[in-house]
Amino acid sequence: MPSKLPVLGSVFSDYFDFSTVSWIKVWEATKETLYMTSLSVASVFFLGLLLGLLLYETQKNDSVGALILYKVVAFLVNIFRSIPFIILIVLLIPFTKTLLGKITGPEAGLPALIFSAAPFYARLVESGFREVDRGVVEAAESMGASKWEVITKVYIPESLPNIISGITVTAISLVGYTAMAGVIGAGGLGNLAYLEGFQRSRPAVTLISTVIILIIVFTIQFIGDTGVRKIDKR
């Protein structure tokens, strides 16, 4: 019985015609995806850390003002965390246009990326702070540590494995979000896969875009896992 492998190989090469791939466009799209991902991850890390700390500190505070602040912040976090990204990016078009003066290009995708991922990461940070041993916190306070010292020398160091693990998960989600943002004009590999690949019937372009996105995701996961293993001494 003749092998089917040559036939399958011929079908594959016929369907995925790599001569249709513009490697210059692939490189430009990859740079746009890395640009959107890196800037949004950096912004989400700092904003999510602040929001997570704010949620944690205000929830356990007995004052009325702190409780009201917690309710407001938690409400906004839950809203933005619940809106599907593809809907959020459309809802933010007026804000994006006012802020940046345009609604297309890699920069135009950043507001939606940050607004969608920061609340999600804030909840992960808050959860990480909750796992910090209260005995360690009380010991630091008994030695006269200020609130800022407790935050920077106890809460953040003790919850650092969870913080890194959380930003890794968030960064991977952001890579997927950049692909969706690309479909409606933000550029990047998602835009390339849709416009150059799907709409022009060039499956090879879509395949290459997908493979590069997978490489980016696996790289982020590897870096995150390595960081957690080196920091987590438990």
C-alpha atoms as a PDB file:
ATOM      1  CA  MET A   1       0.000   0.000   0.000  1.00  0.00           C
ATOM      2  CA  PRO A   2       1.598   3.313  -1.059  1.00  0.00           C
ATOM      3  CA  SER A   3       2.390   5.818   1.662  1.00  0.00           C
ATOM      4  CA  LYS A   4       0.034   8.756   2.030  1.00  0.00           C
ATOM      5  CA  LEU A   5       2.769  11.042   3.385  1.00  0.00           C
ATOM      6  CA  PRO A   6       3.879  12.380  -0.040  1.00  0.00           C
ATOM      7  CA  VAL A   7       0.235  13.099  -0.908  1.00  0.00           C
ATOM      8  CA  LEU A   8      -0.343  14.874   2.389  1.00  0.00           C
ATOM      9  CA  GLY A   9       2.883  16.815   1.922  1.00  0.00           C
ATOM     10  CA  SER A  10       1.769  17.902  -1.520  1.00  0.00           C
ATOM     11  CA  VAL A  11      -1.630  19.020  -0.212  1.00  0.00           C
ATOM     12  CA  PHE A  12       0.062  20.935   2.619  1.00  0.00           C
ATOM     13  CA  SER A  13       2.490  22.699   0.280  1.00  0.00           C
ATOM     14  CA  ASP A  14      -0.297  23.537  -2.155  1.00  0.00           C
ATOM     15  CA  TYR A  15      -2.557  24.953   0.577  1.00  0.00           C
ATOM     16  CA  PHE A  16       0.162  26.782   2.504  1.00  0.00           C
ATOM     17  CA  ASP A  17       1.942  28.570  -0.295  1.00  0.00           C
ATOM     18  CA  PHE A  18       4.811  30.277   1.531  1.00  0.00           C
ATOM     19  CA  SER A  19       5.754  32.233  -1.570  1.00  0.00           C
ATOM     20  CA  THR A  20       2.786  34.488  -0.738  1.00  0.00           C
ATOM     21  CA  VAL A  21       4.369  35.494   2.574  1.00  0.00           C
ATOM     22  CA  SER A  22       5.958  38.940   2.715  1.00  0.00           C
ATOM     23  CA  TRP A  23       8.607  38.489   5.393  1.00  0.00           C
ATOM     24  CA  ILE A  24       9.070  42.241   5.648  1.00  0.00           C
ATOM     25  CA  LYS A  25       5.405  42.597   6.620  1.00  0.00           C
ATOM     26  CA  VAL A  26       5.738  39.662   9.024  1.00  0.00           C
ATOM     27  CA  TRP A  27       8.683  41.352  10.740  1.00  0.00           C
ATOM     28  CA  GLU A  28       6.864  44.688  10.954  1.00  0.00           C
ATOM     29  CA  ALA A  29       3.751  43.000  12.364  1.00  0.00           C
ATOM     30  CA  THR A  30       5.870  41.105  14.907  1.00  0.00           C
ATOM     31  CA  LYS A  31       7.492  44.342  16.067  1.00  0.00           C
ATOM     32  CA  GLU A  32       4.056  45.944  16.438  1.00  0.00           C
ATOM     33  CA  THR A  33       2.799  43.007  18.510  1.00  0.00           C
ATOM     34  CA  LEU A  34       5.899  43.097  20.731  1.00  0.00           C
ATOM     35  CA  TYR A  35       5.521  46.875  21.068  1.00  0.00           C
ATOM     36  CA  MET A  36       1.871  46.649  22.158  1.00  0.00           C
ATOM     37  CA  THR A  37       2.543  43.715  24.461  1.00  0.00           C
ATOM     38  CA  SER A  38       5.608  45.172  26.187  1.00  0.00           C
ATOM     39  CA  LEU A  39       4.099  48.618  26.803  1.00  0.00           C
ATOM     40  CA  SER A  40       0.755  47.262  27.959  1.00  0.00           C
ATOM     41  CA  VAL A  41       2.408  44.677  30.257  1.00  0.00           C
ATOM     42  CA  ALA A  42       4.602  47.357  31.856  1.00  0.00           C
ATOM     43  CA  SER A  43       1.616  49.675  32.355  1.00  0.00           C
ATOM     44  CA  VAL A  44      -0.618  46.889  33.652  1.00  0.00           C
ATOM     45  CA  PHE A  45       2.075  45.725  36.082  1.00  0.00           C
ATOM     46  CA  PHE A  46       2.372  49.097  37.836  1.00  0.00           C
ATOM     47  CA  LEU A  47      -1.310  50.049  37.595  1.00  0.00           C
ATOM     48  CA  GLY A  48      -2.470  46.587  38.688  1.00  0.00           C
ATOM     49  CA  LEU A  49      -0.015  46.596  41.594  1.00  0.00           C
ATOM     50  CA  LEU A  50      -1.368  49.944  42.801  1.00  0.00           C
ATOM     51  CA  LEU A  51      -5.002  48.898  42.362  1.00  0.00           C
ATOM     52  CA  GLY A  52      -4.397  45.553  44.076  1.00  0.00           C
ATOM     53  CA  LEU A  53      -2.708  47.262  47.007  1.00  0.00           C
ATOM     54  CA  LEU A  54      -5.522  49.813  47.201  1.00  0.00           C
ATOM     55  CA  LEU A  55      -8.153  47.072  47.215  1.00  0.00           C
ATOM     56  CA  TYR A  56      -6.319  45.119  49.889  1.00  0.00           C
ATOM     57  CA  GLU A  57      -5.638  48.075  52.188  1.00  0.00           C
ATOM     58  CA  THR A  58      -9.073  49.684  51.952  1.00  0.00           C
ATOM     59  CA  GLN A  59     -11.011  46.446  52.433  1.00  0.00           C
ATOM     60  CA  LYS A  60      -9.412  45.686  55.797  1.00  0.00           C
ATOM     61  CA  ASN A  61      -9.698  49.307  56.971  1.00  0.00           C
ATOM     62  CA  ASP A  62     -12.579  50.083  59.325  1.00  0.00           C
ATOM     63  CA  SER A  63     -13.028  53.743  58.392  1.00  0.00           C
ATOM     64  CA  VAL A  64     -16.095  54.783  56.395  1.00  0.00           C
ATOM     65  CA  GLY A  65     -14.012  56.637  53.818  1.00  0.00           C
ATOM     66  CA  ALA A  66     -11.839  53.591  53.154  1.00  0.00           C
ATOM     67  CA  LEU A  67     -14.901  51.369  52.838  1.00  0.00           C
ATOM     68  CA  ILE A  68     -16.516  53.730  50.315  1.00  0.00           C
ATOM     69  CA  LEU A  69     -13.262  53.902  48.353  1.00  0.00           C
ATOM     70  CA  TYR A  70     -13.052  50.117  48.324  1.00  0.00           C
ATOM     71  CA  LYS A  71     -16.616  49.792  47.064  1.00  0.00           C
ATOM     72  CA  VAL A  72     -16.017  52.294  44.248  1.00  0.00           C
ATOM     73  CA  VAL A  73     -12.690  50.798  43.146  1.00  0.00           C
ATOM     74  CA  ALA A  74     -13.991  47.217  43.399  1.00  0.00           C
ATOM     75  CA  PHE A  75     -17.059  48.177  41.354  1.00  0.00           C
ATOM     76  CA  LEU A  76     -14.962  49.719  38.573  1.00  0.00           C
ATOM     77  CA  VAL A  77     -12.512  46.818  38.612  1.00  0.00           C
ATOM     78  CA  ASN A  78     -15.319  44.291  38.317  1.00  0.00           C
ATOM     79  CA  ILE A  79     -16.933  46.227  35.449  1.00  0.00           C
ATOM     80  CA  PHE A  80     -13.804  46.515  33.309  1.00  0.00           C
ATOM     81  CA  ARG A  81     -12.796  42.953  34.121  1.00  0.00           C
ATOM     82  CA  SER A  82     -16.177  41.655  32.958  1.00  0.00           C
ATOM     83  CA  ILE A  83     -16.476  43.450  29.604  1.00  0.00           C
ATOM     84  CA  PRO A  84     -15.272  41.285  26.689  1.00  0.00           C
ATOM     85  CA  PHE A  85     -12.169  42.818  25.140  1.00  0.00           C
ATOM     86  CA  ILE A  86     -13.556  43.125  21.617  1.00  0.00           C
ATOM     87  CA  ILE A  87     -16.511  45.131  23.006  1.00  0.00           C
ATOM     88  CA  LEU A  88     -14.319  47.217  25.304  1.00  0.00           C
ATOM     89  CA  ILE A  89     -12.028  48.325  22.490  1.00  0.00           C
ATOM     90  CA  VAL A  90     -15.068  49.550  20.542  1.00  0.00           C
ATOM     91  CA  LEU A  91     -16.502  51.332  23.587  1.00  0.00           C
ATOM     92  CA  LEU A  92     -13.176  53.099  24.149  1.00  0.00           C
ATOM     93  CA  ILE A  93     -12.896  54.424  20.581  1.00  0.00           C
ATOM     94  CA  PRO A  94     -14.071  57.971  21.545  1.00  0.00           C
ATOM     95  CA  PHE A  95     -11.654  58.003  24.510  1.00  0.00           C
ATOM     96  CA  THR A  96      -8.806  56.688  22.362  1.00  0.00           C
ATOM     97  CA  LYS A  97      -9.462  59.249  19.643  1.00  0.00           C
ATOM     98  CA  THR A  98      -9.555  62.077  22.197  1.00  0.00           C
ATOM     99  CA  LEU A  99      -6.388  60.873  23.910  1.00  0.00           C
ATOM    100  CA  LEU A 100      -4.281  59.968  20.878  1.00  0.00           C
ATOM    101  CA  GLY A 101      -6.031  61.691  17.986  1.00  0.00           C
ATOM    102  CA  LYS A 102      -6.433  58.405  16.088  1.00  0.00           C
ATOM    103  CA  ILE A 103      -8.120  55.029  16.400  1.00  0.00           C
ATOM    104  CA  THR A 104      -5.759  52.886  14.320  1.00  0.00           C
ATOM    105  CA  GLY A 105      -2.191  51.746  14.783  1.00  0.00           C
ATOM    106  CA  PRO A 106      -0.391  50.035  17.687  1.00  0.00           C
ATOM    107  CA  GLU A 107      -0.711  53.035  20.015  1.00  0.00           C
ATOM    108  CA  ALA A 108      -4.491  53.091  19.536  1.00  0.00           C
ATOM    109  CA  GLY A 109      -4.738  49.577  20.920  1.00  0.00           C
ATOM    110  CA  LEU A 110      -2.953  50.393  24.176  1.00  0.00           C
ATOM    111  CA  PRO A 111      -5.824  52.049  26.128  1.00  0.00           C
ATOM    112  CA  ALA A 112      -8.126  49.073  25.646  1.00  0.00           C
ATOM    113  CA  LEU A 113      -5.318  46.617  26.428  1.00  0.00           C
ATOM    114  CA  ILE A 114      -4.492  48.407  29.681  1.00  0.00           C
ATOM    115  CA  PHE A 115      -8.093  48.995  30.767  1.00  0.00           C
ATOM    116  CA  SER A 116      -8.990  45.350  30.191  1.00  0.00           C
ATOM    117  CA  ALA A 117      -5.964  43.701  31.810  1.00  0.00           C
ATOM    118  CA  ALA A 118      -5.165  45.999  34.762  1.00  0.00           C
ATOM    119  CA  PRO A 119      -8.353  45.124  36.734  1.00  0.00           C
ATOM    120  CA  PHE A 120      -7.742  41.405  36.154  1.00  0.00           C
ATOM    121  CA  TYR A 121      -4.153  41.691  37.368  1.00  0.00           C
ATOM    122  CA  ALA A 122      -5.227  43.869  40.320  1.00  0.00           C
ATOM    123  CA  ARG A 123      -7.378  41.027  41.626  1.00  0.00           C
ATOM    124  CA  LEU A 124      -4.443  38.627  41.309  1.00  0.00           C
ATOM    125  CA  VAL A 125      -2.227  41.043  43.243  1.00  0.00           C
ATOM    126  CA  GLU A 126      -4.877  41.467  45.924  1.00  0.00           C
ATOM    127  CA  SER A 127      -5.121  37.690  46.233  1.00  0.00           C
ATOM    128  CA  GLY A 128      -1.324  37.477  46.566  1.00  0.00           C
ATOM    129  CA  PHE A 129      -1.319  40.017  49.405  1.00  0.00           C
ATOM    130  CA  ARG A 130      -3.987  38.027  51.222  1.00  0.00           C
ATOM    131  CA  GLU A 131      -1.664  35.019  51.339  1.00  0.00           C
ATOM    132  CA  VAL A 132       1.067  36.915  53.189  1.00  0.00           C
ATOM    133  CA  ASP A 133       1.525  35.526  56.708  1.00  0.00           C
ATOM    134  CA  ARG A 134      -0.042  37.958  59.179  1.00  0.00           C
ATOM    135  CA  GLY A 135       2.597  37.005  61.727  1.00  0.00           C
ATOM    136  CA  VAL A 136       5.322  38.440  59.503  1.00  0.00           C
ATOM    137  CA  VAL A 137       3.360  41.666  59.072  1.00  0.00           C
ATOM    138  CA  GLU A 138       2.705  42.008  62.801  1.00  0.00           C
ATOM    139  CA  ALA A 139       6.370  41.353  63.568  1.00  0.00           C
ATOM    140  CA  ALA A 140       7.406  44.162  61.213  1.00  0.00           C
ATOM    141  CA  GLU A 141       4.841  46.528  62.724  1.00  0.00           C
ATOM    142  CA  SER A 142       5.937  45.683  66.258  1.00  0.00           C
ATOM    143  CA  MET A 143       9.492  46.716  65.333  1.00  0.00           C
ATOM    144  CA  GLY A 144       8.245  50.145  64.329  1.00  0.00           C
ATOM    145  CA  ALA A 145       8.033  49.692  60.558  1.00  0.00           C
ATOM    146  CA  SER A 146       5.973  52.332  58.793  1.00  0.00           C
ATOM    147  CA  LYS A 147       3.109  51.458  56.462  1.00  0.00           C
ATOM    148  CA  TRP A 148       5.352  52.122  53.427  1.00  0.00           C
ATOM    149  CA  GLU A 149       8.076  49.876  54.880  1.00  0.00           C
ATOM    150  CA  VAL A 150       5.557  47.102  55.533  1.00  0.00           C
ATOM    151  CA  ILE A 151       4.365  47.339  51.933  1.00  0.00           C
ATOM    152  CA  THR A 152       7.818  47.446  50.318  1.00  0.00           C
ATOM    153  CA  LYS A 153       9.648  45.092  52.687  1.00  0.00           C
ATOM    154  CA  VAL A 154       6.931  42.615  53.659  1.00  0.00           C
ATOM    155  CA  TYR A 155       3.891  42.531  51.389  1.00  0.00           C
ATOM    156  CA  ILE A 156       5.640  42.820  48.010  1.00  0.00           C
ATOM    157  CA  PRO A 157       8.645  40.553  48.774  1.00  0.00           C
ATOM    158  CA  GLU A 158       6.479  37.908  50.439  1.00  0.00           C
ATOM    159  CA  SER A 159       3.928  37.847  47.616  1.00  0.00           C
ATOM    160  CA  LEU A 160       6.472  38.262  44.795  1.00  0.00           C
ATOM    161  CA  PRO A 161       6.038  34.702  43.417  1.00  0.00           C
ATOM    162  CA  ASN A 162       2.288  35.329  43.093  1.00  0.00           C
ATOM    163  CA  ILE A 163       2.912  38.765  41.594  1.00  0.00           C
ATOM    164  CA  ILE A 164       5.233  37.333  38.932  1.00  0.00           C
ATOM    165  CA  SER A 165       2.939  34.387  38.253  1.00  0.00           C
ATOM    166  CA  GLY A 166       0.014  36.788  37.887  1.00  0.00           C
ATOM    167  CA  ILE A 167       1.786  39.119  35.461  1.00  0.00           C
ATOM    168  CA  THR A 168       2.845  36.085  33.415  1.00  0.00           C
ATOM    169  CA  VAL A 169      -0.767  34.966  33.032  1.00  0.00           C
ATOM    170  CA  THR A 170      -1.821  38.535  32.287  1.00  0.00           C
ATOM    171  CA  ALA A 171       0.932  39.024  29.691  1.00  0.00           C
ATOM    172  CA  ILE A 172      -0.150  35.873  27.855  1.00  0.00           C
ATOM    173  CA  SER A 173      -3.728  37.142  27.814  1.00  0.00           C
ATOM    174  CA  LEU A 174      -2.492  40.470  26.457  1.00  0.00           C
ATOM    175  CA  VAL A 175      -0.788  38.724  23.538  1.00  0.00           C
ATOM    176  CA  GLY A 176      -4.174  37.285  22.613  1.00  0.00           C
ATOM    177  CA  TYR A 177      -5.796  40.680  23.083  1.00  0.00           C
ATOM    178  CA  THR A 178      -3.281  42.293  20.699  1.00  0.00           C
ATOM    179  CA  ALA A 179      -4.356  39.795  18.041  1.00  0.00           C
ATOM    180  CA  MET A 180      -7.991  40.809  18.514  1.00  0.00           C
ATOM    181  CA  ALA A 181      -7.063  44.495  18.532  1.00  0.00           C
ATOM    182  CA  GLY A 182      -5.203  43.963  15.273  1.00  0.00           C
ATOM    183  CA  VAL A 183      -8.349  42.770  13.559  1.00  0.00           C
ATOM    184  CA  ILE A 184      -9.966  46.188  13.997  1.00  0.00           C
ATOM    185  CA  GLY A 185      -6.945  48.228  12.960  1.00  0.00           C
ATOM    186  CA  ALA A 186      -4.364  48.208  15.758  1.00  0.00           C
ATOM    187  CA  GLY A 187      -1.802  46.429  13.597  1.00  0.00           C
ATOM    188  CA  GLY A 188       0.372  43.525  14.671  1.00  0.00           C
ATOM    189  CA  LEU A 189       0.168  39.850  13.883  1.00  0.00           C
ATOM    190  CA  GLY A 190      -3.594  39.721  14.345  1.00  0.00           C
ATOM    191  CA  ASN A 191      -4.035  42.370  11.688  1.00  0.00           C
ATOM    192  CA  LEU A 192      -1.609  40.553   9.393  1.00  0.00           C
ATOM    193  CA  ALA A 193      -3.340  37.194   9.854  1.00  0.00           C
ATOM    194  CA  TYR A 194      -6.765  38.683   9.152  1.00  0.00           C
ATOM    195  CA  LEU A 195      -6.101  41.151   6.336  1.00  0.00           C
ATOM    196  CA  GLU A 196      -3.195  39.498   4.547  1.00  0.00           C
ATOM    197  CA  GLY A 197      -4.050  35.922   5.447  1.00  0.00           C
ATOM    198  CA  PHE A 198      -7.794  35.409   5.760  1.00  0.00           C
ATOM    199  CA  GLN A 199      -9.235  38.148   3.537  1.00  0.00           C
ATOM    200  CA  ARG A 200      -6.741  37.547   0.720  1.00  0.00           C
ATOM    201  CA  SER A 201      -6.927  33.750   1.000  1.00  0.00           C
ATOM    202  CA  ARG A 202      -3.283  33.304   1.985  1.00  0.00           C
ATOM    203  CA  PRO A 203      -3.342  30.560   4.643  1.00  0.00           C
ATOM    204  CA  ALA A 204       0.455  30.551   4.877  1.00  0.00           C
ATOM    205  CA  VAL A 205       0.388  34.108   6.241  1.00  0.00           C
ATOM    206  CA  THR A 206      -2.155  33.108   8.893  1.00  0.00           C
ATOM    207  CA  LEU A 207      -0.075  30.057   9.802  1.00  0.00           C
ATOM    208  CA  ILE A 208       3.151  32.058  10.148  1.00  0.00           C
ATOM    209  CA  SER A 209       1.379  34.679  12.278  1.00  0.00           C
ATOM    210  CA  THR A 210      -0.030  31.982  14.540  1.00  0.00           C
ATOM    211  CA  VAL A 211       3.347  30.284  14.963  1.00  0.00           C
ATOM    212  CA  ILE A 212       5.021  33.570  15.921  1.00  0.00           C
ATOM    213  CA  ILE A 213       2.280  34.324  18.455  1.00  0.00           C
ATOM    214  CA  LEU A 214       2.798  30.851  19.964  1.00  0.00           C
ATOM    215  CA  ILE A 215       6.541  31.473  20.194  1.00  0.00           C
ATOM    216  CA  ILE A 216       5.905  34.766  22.012  1.00  0.00           C
ATOM    217  CA  VAL A 217       3.490  33.069  24.429  1.00  0.00           C
ATOM    218  CA  PHE A 218       5.853  30.167  25.161  1.00  0.00           C
ATOM    219  CA  THR A 219       8.716  32.612  25.726  1.00  0.00           C
ATOM    220  CA  ILE A 220       6.671  34.654  28.203  1.00  0.00           C
ATOM    221  CA  GLN A 221       5.606  31.484  30.024  1.00  0.00           C
ATOM    222  CA  PHE A 222       9.204  30.247  30.214  1.00  0.00           C
ATOM    223  CA  ILE A 223      10.479  33.560  31.578  1.00  0.00           C
ATOM    224  CA  GLY A 224       7.650  33.730  34.122  1.00  0.00           C
ATOM    225  CA  ASP A 225       8.100  30.140  35.310  1.00  0.00           C
ATOM    226  CA  THR A 226      11.858  30.613  35.606  1.00  0.00           C
ATOM    227  CA  GLY A 227      11.392  33.793  37.650  1.00  0.00           C
ATOM    228  CA  VAL A 228       8.927  32.132  40.018  1.00  0.00           C
ATOM    229  CA  ARG A 229      11.213  29.124  40.566  1.00  0.00           C
ATOM    230  CA  LYS A 230      14.159  31.354  41.422  1.00  0.00           C
ATOM    231  CA  ILE A 231      12.200  33.598  43.800  1.00  0.00           C
ATOM    232  CA  ASP A 232       9.888  31.104  45.514  1.00  0.00           C
ATOM    233  CA  LYS A 233      11.830  29.542  48.402  1.00  0.00           C
ATOM    234  CA  ARG A 234       8.868  27.686  49.882  1.00  0.00           C
END
